[in-house]
């Protein structure tokens, strides 16, 4: 999580952020609720419901939509929107 609203770029920065977050998890149950893909623009929208327990953020349920831009079979940009 980038808590201060700043942006992050690059695989290494994202991997480090994800790793730091995962180290604090004791529960993570993610369910894909819905998905839409526009192959022409290379855009995918995925709605998730995630039940979690984290040593820093506590326990709860997160509902979010991930908007992904794809190019050559890879995600090149991703934005998360909390619902």
PDB file of N, CA and C in Angstrom:
ATOM      1  N   UNK A   1       0.826  -1.189   0.000  1.00  0.00           N
ATOM      2  CA  UNK A   1       0.000   0.000   0.000  1.00  0.00           C
ATOM      3  C   UNK A   1       0.866   1.247   0.000  1.00  0.00           C
ATOM      4  N   UNK A   2       0.528   2.157  -0.833  1.00  0.00           N
ATOM      5  CA  UNK A   2       1.178   3.460  -0.800  1.00  0.00           C
ATOM      6  C   UNK A   2       0.212   4.358  -0.036  1.00  0.00           C
ATOM      7  N   UNK A   3       0.462   4.499   1.248  1.00  0.00           N
ATOM      8  CA  UNK A   3      -0.493   5.161   2.132  1.00  0.00           C
ATOM      9  C   UNK A   3      -0.529   6.672   1.997  1.00  0.00           C
ATOM     10  N   UNK A   4       0.538   7.277   1.513  1.00  0.00           N
ATOM     11  CA  UNK A   4       0.586   8.734   1.473  1.00  0.00           C
ATOM     12  C   UNK A   4       0.088   9.308   0.153  1.00  0.00           C
ATOM     13  N   UNK A   5      -0.454   8.464  -0.733  1.00  0.00           N
ATOM     14  CA  UNK A   5      -0.982   8.935  -2.000  1.00  0.00           C
ATOM     15  C   UNK A   5       0.071   9.099  -3.079  1.00  0.00           C
ATOM     16  N   UNK A   6       1.330   8.772  -2.768  1.00  0.00           N
ATOM     17  CA  UNK A   6       2.382   8.915  -3.758  1.00  0.00           C
ATOM     18  C   UNK A   6       2.269   7.795  -4.799  1.00  0.00           C
ATOM     19  N   UNK A   7       2.911   7.989  -5.920  1.00  0.00           N
ATOM     20  CA  UNK A   7       2.901   6.973  -6.955  1.00  0.00           C
ATOM     21  C   UNK A   7       4.151   6.116  -6.846  1.00  0.00           C
ATOM     22  N   UNK A   8       4.090   4.970  -7.485  1.00  0.00           N
ATOM     23  CA  UNK A   8       5.193   4.040  -7.457  1.00  0.00           C
ATOM     24  C   UNK A   8       5.361   3.503  -8.867  1.00  0.00           C
ATOM     25  N   UNK A   9       6.575   3.305  -9.300  1.00  0.00           N
ATOM     26  CA  UNK A   9       6.815   2.792 -10.648  1.00  0.00           C
ATOM     27  C   UNK A   9       7.886   1.720 -10.615  1.00  0.00           C
ATOM     28  N   UNK A  10       7.700   0.705 -11.452  1.00  0.00           N
ATOM     29  CA  UNK A  10       8.709  -0.322 -11.624  1.00  0.00           C
ATOM     30  C   UNK A  10       8.407  -1.610 -10.890  1.00  0.00           C
ATOM     31  N   UNK A  11       8.879  -2.707 -11.493  1.00  0.00           N
ATOM     32  CA  UNK A  11       8.661  -4.026 -10.908  1.00  0.00           C
ATOM     33  C   UNK A  11       9.298  -4.162  -9.533  1.00  0.00           C
ATOM     34  N   UNK A  12      10.526  -3.686  -9.392  1.00  0.00           N
ATOM     35  CA  UNK A  12      11.238  -3.841  -8.122  1.00  0.00           C
ATOM     36  C   UNK A  12      10.521  -3.115  -7.003  1.00  0.00           C
ATOM     37  N   UNK A  13      10.101  -1.882  -7.242  1.00  0.00           N
ATOM     38  CA  UNK A  13       9.397  -1.112  -6.213  1.00  0.00           C
ATOM     39  C   UNK A  13       8.088  -1.790  -5.845  1.00  0.00           C
ATOM     40  N   UNK A  14       7.359  -2.296  -6.834  1.00  0.00           N
ATOM     41  CA  UNK A  14       6.088  -2.967  -6.553  1.00  0.00           C
ATOM     42  C   UNK A  14       6.325  -4.266  -5.794  1.00  0.00           C
ATOM     43  N   UNK A  15       7.325  -5.030  -6.202  1.00  0.00           N
ATOM     44  CA  UNK A  15       7.635  -6.290  -5.522  1.00  0.00           C
ATOM     45  C   UNK A  15       8.021  -6.038  -4.069  1.00  0.00           C
ATOM     46  N   UNK A  16       8.832  -5.020  -3.802  1.00  0.00           N
ATOM     47  CA  UNK A  16       9.235  -4.684  -2.433  1.00  0.00           C
ATOM     48  C   UNK A  16       8.030  -4.269  -1.593  1.00  0.00           C
ATOM     49  N   UNK A  17       7.140  -3.465  -2.166  1.00  0.00           N
ATOM     50  CA  UNK A  17       5.933  -3.019  -1.461  1.00  0.00           C
ATOM     51  C   UNK A  17       5.041  -4.205  -1.122  1.00  0.00           C
ATOM     52  N   UNK A  18       4.821  -5.069  -2.109  1.00  0.00           N
ATOM     53  CA  UNK A  18       3.977  -6.250  -1.889  1.00  0.00           C
ATOM     54  C   UNK A  18       4.585  -7.189  -0.848  1.00  0.00           C
ATOM     55  N   UNK A  19       5.887  -7.378  -0.908  1.00  0.00           N
ATOM     56  CA  UNK A  19       6.561  -8.257   0.043  1.00  0.00           C
ATOM     57  C   UNK A  19       6.440  -7.733   1.472  1.00  0.00           C
ATOM     58  N   UNK A  20       6.646  -6.439   1.657  1.00  0.00           N
ATOM     59  CA  UNK A  20       6.517  -5.835   2.990  1.00  0.00           C
ATOM     60  C   UNK A  20       5.100  -6.000   3.527  1.00  0.00           C
ATOM     61  N   UNK A  21       4.101  -5.831   2.673  1.00  0.00           N
ATOM     62  CA  UNK A  21       2.715  -5.996   3.092  1.00  0.00           C
ATOM     63  C   UNK A  21       2.428  -7.456   3.453  1.00  0.00           C
ATOM     64  N   UNK A  22       2.852  -8.384   2.603  1.00  0.00           N
ATOM     65  CA  UNK A  22       2.592  -9.806   2.830  1.00  0.00           C
ATOM     66  C   UNK A  22       3.215 -10.322   4.117  1.00  0.00           C
ATOM     67  N   UNK A  23       4.350  -9.774   4.509  1.00  0.00           N
ATOM     68  CA  UNK A  23       5.005 -10.214   5.739  1.00  0.00           C
ATOM     69  C   UNK A  23       4.153  -9.977   6.973  1.00  0.00           C
ATOM     70  N   UNK A  24       3.223  -9.023   6.915  1.00  0.00           N
ATOM     71  CA  UNK A  24       2.366  -8.732   8.052  1.00  0.00           C
ATOM     72  C   UNK A  24       1.038  -9.462   8.050  1.00  0.00           C
ATOM     73  N   UNK A  25       0.769 -10.262   7.026  1.00  0.00           N
ATOM     74  CA  UNK A  25      -0.519 -10.946   6.914  1.00  0.00           C
ATOM     75  C   UNK A  25      -0.563 -12.250   7.700  1.00  0.00           C
ATOM     76  N   UNK A  26      -1.685 -12.482   8.374  1.00  0.00           N
ATOM     77  CA  UNK A  26      -1.935 -13.782   8.977  1.00  0.00           C
ATOM     78  C   UNK A  26      -3.149 -14.445   8.324  1.00  0.00           C
ATOM     79  N   UNK A  27      -3.934 -13.676   7.545  1.00  0.00           N
ATOM     80  CA  UNK A  27      -5.080 -14.223   6.805  1.00  0.00           C
ATOM     81  C   UNK A  27      -5.277 -13.388   5.549  1.00  0.00           C
ATOM     82  N   UNK A  28      -5.578 -14.072   4.444  1.00  0.00           N
ATOM     83  CA  UNK A  28      -5.844 -13.406   3.165  1.00  0.00           C
ATOM     84  C   UNK A  28      -6.749 -14.316   2.351  1.00  0.00           C
ATOM     85  N   UNK A  29      -8.000 -13.930   2.192  1.00  0.00           N
ATOM     86  CA  UNK A  29      -8.958 -14.718   1.428  1.00  0.00           C
ATOM     87  C   UNK A  29      -9.552 -13.803   0.363  1.00  0.00           C
ATOM     88  N   UNK A  30      -9.045 -13.901  -0.852  1.00  0.00           N
ATOM     89  CA  UNK A  30      -9.469 -13.025  -1.949  1.00  0.00           C
ATOM     90  C   UNK A  30     -10.400 -13.776  -2.888  1.00  0.00           C
ATOM     91  N   UNK A  31     -11.512 -13.119  -3.243  1.00  0.00           N
ATOM     92  CA  UNK A  31     -12.477 -13.709  -4.173  1.00  0.00           C
ATOM     93  C   UNK A  31     -12.733 -12.727  -5.304  1.00  0.00           C
ATOM     94  N   UNK A  32     -12.556 -13.208  -6.532  1.00  0.00           N
ATOM     95  CA  UNK A  32     -12.876 -12.417  -7.709  1.00  0.00           C
ATOM     96  C   UNK A  32     -14.385 -12.442  -7.894  1.00  0.00           C
ATOM     97  N   UNK A  33     -15.024 -11.266  -7.844  1.00  0.00           N
ATOM     98  CA  UNK A  33     -16.479 -11.164  -7.926  1.00  0.00           C
ATOM     99  C   UNK A  33     -16.930 -11.009  -9.375  1.00  0.00           C
ATOM    100  N   UNK A  34     -16.241 -10.144 -10.119  1.00  0.00           N
ATOM    101  CA  UNK A  34     -16.588  -9.941 -11.522  1.00  0.00           C
ATOM    102  C   UNK A  34     -15.378  -9.431 -12.273  1.00  0.00           C
ATOM    103  N   UNK A  35     -15.435  -9.581 -13.595  1.00  0.00           N
ATOM    104  CA  UNK A  35     -14.320  -9.170 -14.425  1.00  0.00           C
ATOM    105  C   UNK A  35     -14.852  -8.747 -15.794  1.00  0.00           C
ATOM    106  N   UNK A  36     -14.236  -7.732 -16.364  1.00  0.00           N
ATOM    107  CA  UNK A  36     -14.573  -7.278 -17.714  1.00  0.00           C
ATOM    108  C   UNK A  36     -13.276  -6.969 -18.445  1.00  0.00           C
ATOM    109  N   UNK A  37     -13.244  -7.306 -19.728  1.00  0.00           N
ATOM    110  CA  UNK A  37     -12.041  -7.103 -20.528  1.00  0.00           C
ATOM    111  C   UNK A  37     -12.419  -6.430 -21.840  1.00  0.00           C
ATOM    112  N   UNK A  38     -11.667  -5.400 -22.197  1.00  0.00           N
ATOM    113  CA  UNK A  38     -11.782  -4.765 -23.503  1.00  0.00           C
ATOM    114  C   UNK A  38     -10.482  -5.077 -24.238  1.00  0.00           C
ATOM    115  N   UNK A  39     -10.514  -6.081 -25.100  1.00  0.00           N
ATOM    116  CA  UNK A  39      -9.301  -6.515 -25.792  1.00  0.00           C
ATOM    117  C   UNK A  39      -8.765  -5.448 -26.738  1.00  0.00           C
ATOM    118  N   UNK A  40      -9.638  -4.621 -27.293  1.00  0.00           N
ATOM    119  CA  UNK A  40      -9.193  -3.585 -28.219  1.00  0.00           C
ATOM    120  C   UNK A  40      -8.272  -2.583 -27.540  1.00  0.00           C
ATOM    121  N   UNK A  41      -8.640  -2.160 -26.332  1.00  0.00           N
ATOM    122  CA  UNK A  41      -7.819  -1.173 -25.614  1.00  0.00           C
ATOM    123  C   UNK A  41      -6.807  -1.825 -24.670  1.00  0.00           C
ATOM    124  N   UNK A  42      -6.921  -3.144 -24.467  1.00  0.00           N
ATOM    125  CA  UNK A  42      -6.021  -3.828 -23.549  1.00  0.00           C
ATOM    126  C   UNK A  42      -6.304  -3.494 -22.098  1.00  0.00           C
ATOM    127  N   UNK A  43      -7.587  -3.290 -21.773  1.00  0.00           N
ATOM    128  CA  UNK A  43      -7.980  -2.913 -20.416  1.00  0.00           C
ATOM    129  C   UNK A  43      -8.786  -4.028 -19.769  1.00  0.00           C
ATOM    130  N   UNK A  44      -8.460  -4.332 -18.501  1.00  0.00           N
ATOM    131  CA  UNK A  44      -9.215  -5.306 -17.716  1.00  0.00           C
ATOM    132  C   UNK A  44      -9.643  -4.655 -16.412  1.00  0.00           C
ATOM    133  N   UNK A  45     -10.876  -4.926 -15.998  1.00  0.00           N
ATOM    134  CA  UNK A  45     -11.398  -4.449 -14.720  1.00  0.00           C
ATOM    135  C   UNK A  45     -11.788  -5.673 -13.901  1.00  0.00           C
ATOM    136  N   UNK A  46     -11.261  -5.758 -12.687  1.00  0.00           N
ATOM    137  CA  UNK A  46     -11.513  -6.904 -11.817  1.00  0.00           C
ATOM    138  C   UNK A  46     -12.009  -6.423 -10.460  1.00  0.00           C
ATOM    139  N   UNK A  47     -13.181  -6.911 -10.060  1.00  0.00           N
ATOM    140  CA  UNK A  47     -13.750  -6.561  -8.749  1.00  0.00           C
ATOM    141  C   UNK A  47     -13.409  -7.675  -7.762  1.00  0.00           C
ATOM    142  N   UNK A  48     -12.823  -7.277  -6.633  1.00  0.00           N
ATOM    143  CA  UNK A  48     -12.370  -8.219  -5.611  1.00  0.00           C
ATOM    144  C   UNK A  48     -13.024  -7.932  -4.264  1.00  0.00           C
ATOM    145  N   UNK A  49     -13.279  -9.004  -3.497  1.00  0.00           N
ATOM    146  CA  UNK A  49     -13.626  -8.911  -2.076  1.00  0.00           C
ATOM    147  C   UNK A  49     -12.552  -9.691  -1.336  1.00  0.00           C
ATOM    148  N   UNK A  50     -11.877  -9.019  -0.410  1.00  0.00           N
ATOM    149  CA  UNK A  50     -10.733  -9.607   0.273  1.00  0.00           C
ATOM    150  C   UNK A  50     -10.936  -9.520   1.785  1.00  0.00           C
ATOM    151  N   UNK A  51     -10.978 -10.673   2.445  1.00  0.00           N
ATOM    152  CA  UNK A  51     -10.999 -10.732   3.906  1.00  0.00           C
ATOM    153  C   UNK A  51      -9.557 -10.947   4.357  1.00  0.00           C
ATOM    154  N   UNK A  52      -9.104 -10.135   5.329  1.00  0.00           N
ATOM    155  CA  UNK A  52      -7.700 -10.194   5.712  1.00  0.00           C
ATOM    156  C   UNK A  52      -7.519  -9.926   7.197  1.00  0.00           C
ATOM    157  N   UNK A  53      -6.341 -10.309   7.680  1.00  0.00           N
ATOM    158  CA  UNK A  53      -5.874  -9.931   9.016  1.00  0.00           C
ATOM    159  C   UNK A  53      -4.401  -9.564   8.851  1.00  0.00           C
ATOM    160  N   UNK A  54      -4.044  -8.362   9.336  1.00  0.00           N
ATOM    161  CA  UNK A  54      -2.695  -7.838   9.158  1.00  0.00           C
ATOM    162  C   UNK A  54      -2.225  -7.255  10.478  1.00  0.00           C
ATOM    163  N   UNK A  55      -0.945  -7.469  10.824  1.00  0.00           N
ATOM    164  CA  UNK A  55      -0.451  -6.999  12.116  1.00  0.00           C
ATOM    165  C   UNK A  55      -0.429  -5.483  12.232  1.00  0.00           C
ATOM    166  N   UNK A  56      -0.374  -4.762  11.141  1.00  0.00           N
ATOM    167  CA  UNK A  56      -0.358  -3.295  11.188  1.00  0.00           C
ATOM    168  C   UNK A  56      -1.725  -2.663  10.916  1.00  0.00           C
ATOM    169  N   UNK A  57      -2.484  -3.264   9.990  1.00  0.00           N
ATOM    170  CA  UNK A  57      -3.747  -2.680   9.555  1.00  0.00           C
ATOM    171  C   UNK A  57      -4.971  -3.309  10.203  1.00  0.00           C
ATOM    172  N   UNK A  58      -4.781  -4.372  10.995  1.00  0.00           N
ATOM    173  CA  UNK A  58      -5.898  -5.036  11.652  1.00  0.00           C
ATOM    174  C   UNK A  58      -6.613  -5.987  10.702  1.00  0.00           C
ATOM    175  N   UNK A  59      -7.817  -6.387  11.108  1.00  0.00           N
ATOM    176  CA  UNK A  59      -8.616  -7.320  10.314  1.00  0.00           C
ATOM    177  C   UNK A  59      -9.766  -6.567   9.672  1.00  0.00           C
ATOM    178  N   UNK A  60     -10.208  -7.075   8.533  1.00  0.00           N
ATOM    179  CA  UNK A  60     -11.325  -6.435   7.870  1.00  0.00           C
ATOM    180  C   UNK A  60     -11.617  -7.046   6.528  1.00  0.00           C
ATOM    181  N   UNK A  61     -12.504  -6.391   5.820  1.00  0.00           N
ATOM    182  CA  UNK A  61     -12.872  -6.787   4.472  1.00  0.00           C
ATOM    183  C   UNK A  61     -12.633  -5.609   3.547  1.00  0.00           C
ATOM    184  N   UNK A  62     -11.929  -5.844   2.474  1.00  0.00           N
ATOM    185  CA  UNK A  62     -11.631  -4.820   1.484  1.00  0.00           C
ATOM    186  C   UNK A  62     -12.365  -5.176   0.196  1.00  0.00           C
ATOM    187  N   UNK A  63     -13.101  -4.210  -0.327  1.00  0.00           N
ATOM    188  CA  UNK A  63     -13.719  -4.359  -1.656  1.00  0.00           C
ATOM    189  C   UNK A  63     -12.989  -3.379  -2.563  1.00  0.00           C
ATOM    190  N   UNK A  64     -12.494  -3.888  -3.683  1.00  0.00           N
ATOM    191  CA  UNK A  64     -11.754  -3.019  -4.583  1.00  0.00           C
ATOM    192  C   UNK A  64     -11.938  -3.449  -6.032  1.00  0.00           C
ATOM    193  N   UNK A  65     -11.676  -2.493  -6.917  1.00  0.00           N
ATOM    194  CA  UNK A  65     -11.625  -2.764  -8.343  1.00  0.00           C
ATOM    195  C   UNK A  65     -10.198  -2.477  -8.806  1.00  0.00           C
ATOM    196  N   UNK A  66      -9.620  -3.414  -9.515  1.00  0.00           N
ATOM    197  CA  UNK A  66      -8.296  -3.234 -10.109  1.00  0.00           C
ATOM    198  C   UNK A  66      -8.499  -2.963 -11.597  1.00  0.00           C
ATOM    199  N   UNK A  67      -7.975  -1.832 -12.069  1.00  0.00           N
ATOM    200  CA  UNK A  67      -8.027  -1.496 -13.489  1.00  0.00           C
ATOM    201  C   UNK A  67      -6.622  -1.708 -14.047  1.00  0.00           C
ATOM    202  N   UNK A  68      -6.521  -2.614 -14.999  1.00  0.00           N
ATOM    203  CA  UNK A  68      -5.218  -2.987 -15.538  1.00  0.00           C
ATOM    204  C   UNK A  68      -5.136  -2.631 -17.019  1.00  0.00           C
ATOM    205  N   UNK A  69      -3.977  -2.125 -17.409  1.00  0.00           N
ATOM    206  CA  UNK A  69      -3.653  -1.928 -18.825  1.00  0.00           C
ATOM    207  C   UNK A  69      -2.649  -3.006 -19.192  1.00  0.00           C
ATOM    208  N   UNK A  70      -2.948  -3.754 -20.242  1.00  0.00           N
ATOM    209  CA  UNK A  70      -2.115  -4.863 -20.682  1.00  0.00           C
ATOM    210  C   UNK A  70      -1.448  -4.546 -22.019  1.00  0.00           C
ATOM    211  N   UNK A  71      -0.225  -5.019 -22.174  1.00  0.00           N
ATOM    212  CA  UNK A  71       0.481  -4.913 -23.442  1.00  0.00           C
ATOM    213  C   UNK A  71       1.407  -6.131 -23.573  1.00  0.00           C
ATOM    214  N   UNK A  72       1.333  -6.813 -24.682  1.00  0.00           N
ATOM    215  CA  UNK A  72       2.184  -7.986 -24.954  1.00  0.00           C
ATOM    216  C   UNK A  72       2.103  -9.034 -23.847  1.00  0.00           C
ATOM    217  N   UNK A  73       0.893  -9.269 -23.337  1.00  0.00           N
ATOM    218  CA  UNK A  73       0.679 -10.306 -22.334  1.00  0.00           C
ATOM    219  C   UNK A  73       1.120  -9.954 -20.931  1.00  0.00           C
ATOM    220  N   UNK A  74       1.396  -8.671 -20.670  1.00  0.00           N
ATOM    221  CA  UNK A  74       1.845  -8.239 -19.343  1.00  0.00           C
ATOM    222  C   UNK A  74       1.070  -7.007 -18.888  1.00  0.00           C
ATOM    223  N   UNK A  75       0.889  -6.895 -17.584  1.00  0.00           N
ATOM    224  CA  UNK A  75       0.285  -5.691 -17.021  1.00  0.00           C
ATOM    225  C   UNK A  75       1.344  -4.593 -17.044  1.00  0.00           C
ATOM    226  N   UNK A  76       1.028  -3.463 -17.699  1.00  0.00           N
ATOM    227  CA  UNK A  76       1.979  -2.363 -17.778  1.00  0.00           C
ATOM    228  C   UNK A  76       1.566  -1.201 -16.881  1.00  0.00           C
ATOM    229  N   UNK A  77       0.313  -1.207 -16.421  1.00  0.00           N
ATOM    230  CA  UNK A  77      -0.151  -0.172 -15.484  1.00  0.00           C
ATOM    231  C   UNK A  77      -1.343  -0.738 -14.734  1.00  0.00           C
ATOM    232  N   UNK A  78      -1.409  -0.446 -13.435  1.00  0.00           N
ATOM    233  CA  UNK A  78      -2.508  -0.954 -12.621  1.00  0.00           C
ATOM    234  C   UNK A  78      -2.882   0.098 -11.589  1.00  0.00           C
ATOM    235  N   UNK A  79      -4.176   0.307 -11.449  1.00  0.00           N
ATOM    236  CA  UNK A  79      -4.697   1.235 -10.446  1.00  0.00           C
ATOM    237  C   UNK A  79      -5.783   0.515  -9.661  1.00  0.00           C
ATOM    238  N   UNK A  80      -5.785   0.710  -8.332  1.00  0.00           N
ATOM    239  CA  UNK A  80      -6.778   0.101  -7.463  1.00  0.00           C
ATOM    240  C   UNK A  80      -7.735   1.164  -6.949  1.00  0.00           C
ATOM    241  N   UNK A  81      -9.022   0.838  -6.963  1.00  0.00           N
ATOM    242  CA  UNK A  81     -10.049   1.724  -6.448  1.00  0.00           C
ATOM    243  C   UNK A  81     -10.807   1.019  -5.339  1.00  0.00           C
ATOM    244  N   UNK A  82     -10.787   1.609  -4.164  1.00  0.00           N
ATOM    245  CA  UNK A  82     -11.509   1.064  -3.025  1.00  0.00           C
ATOM    246  C   UNK A  82     -12.991   1.356  -3.199  1.00  0.00           C
ATOM    247  N   UNK A  83     -13.815   0.380  -2.916  1.00  0.00           N
ATOM    248  CA  UNK A  83     -15.260   0.540  -3.050  1.00  0.00           C
ATOM    249  C   UNK A  83     -15.889   0.847  -1.706  1.00  0.00           C
TER     250      UNK A  83
END
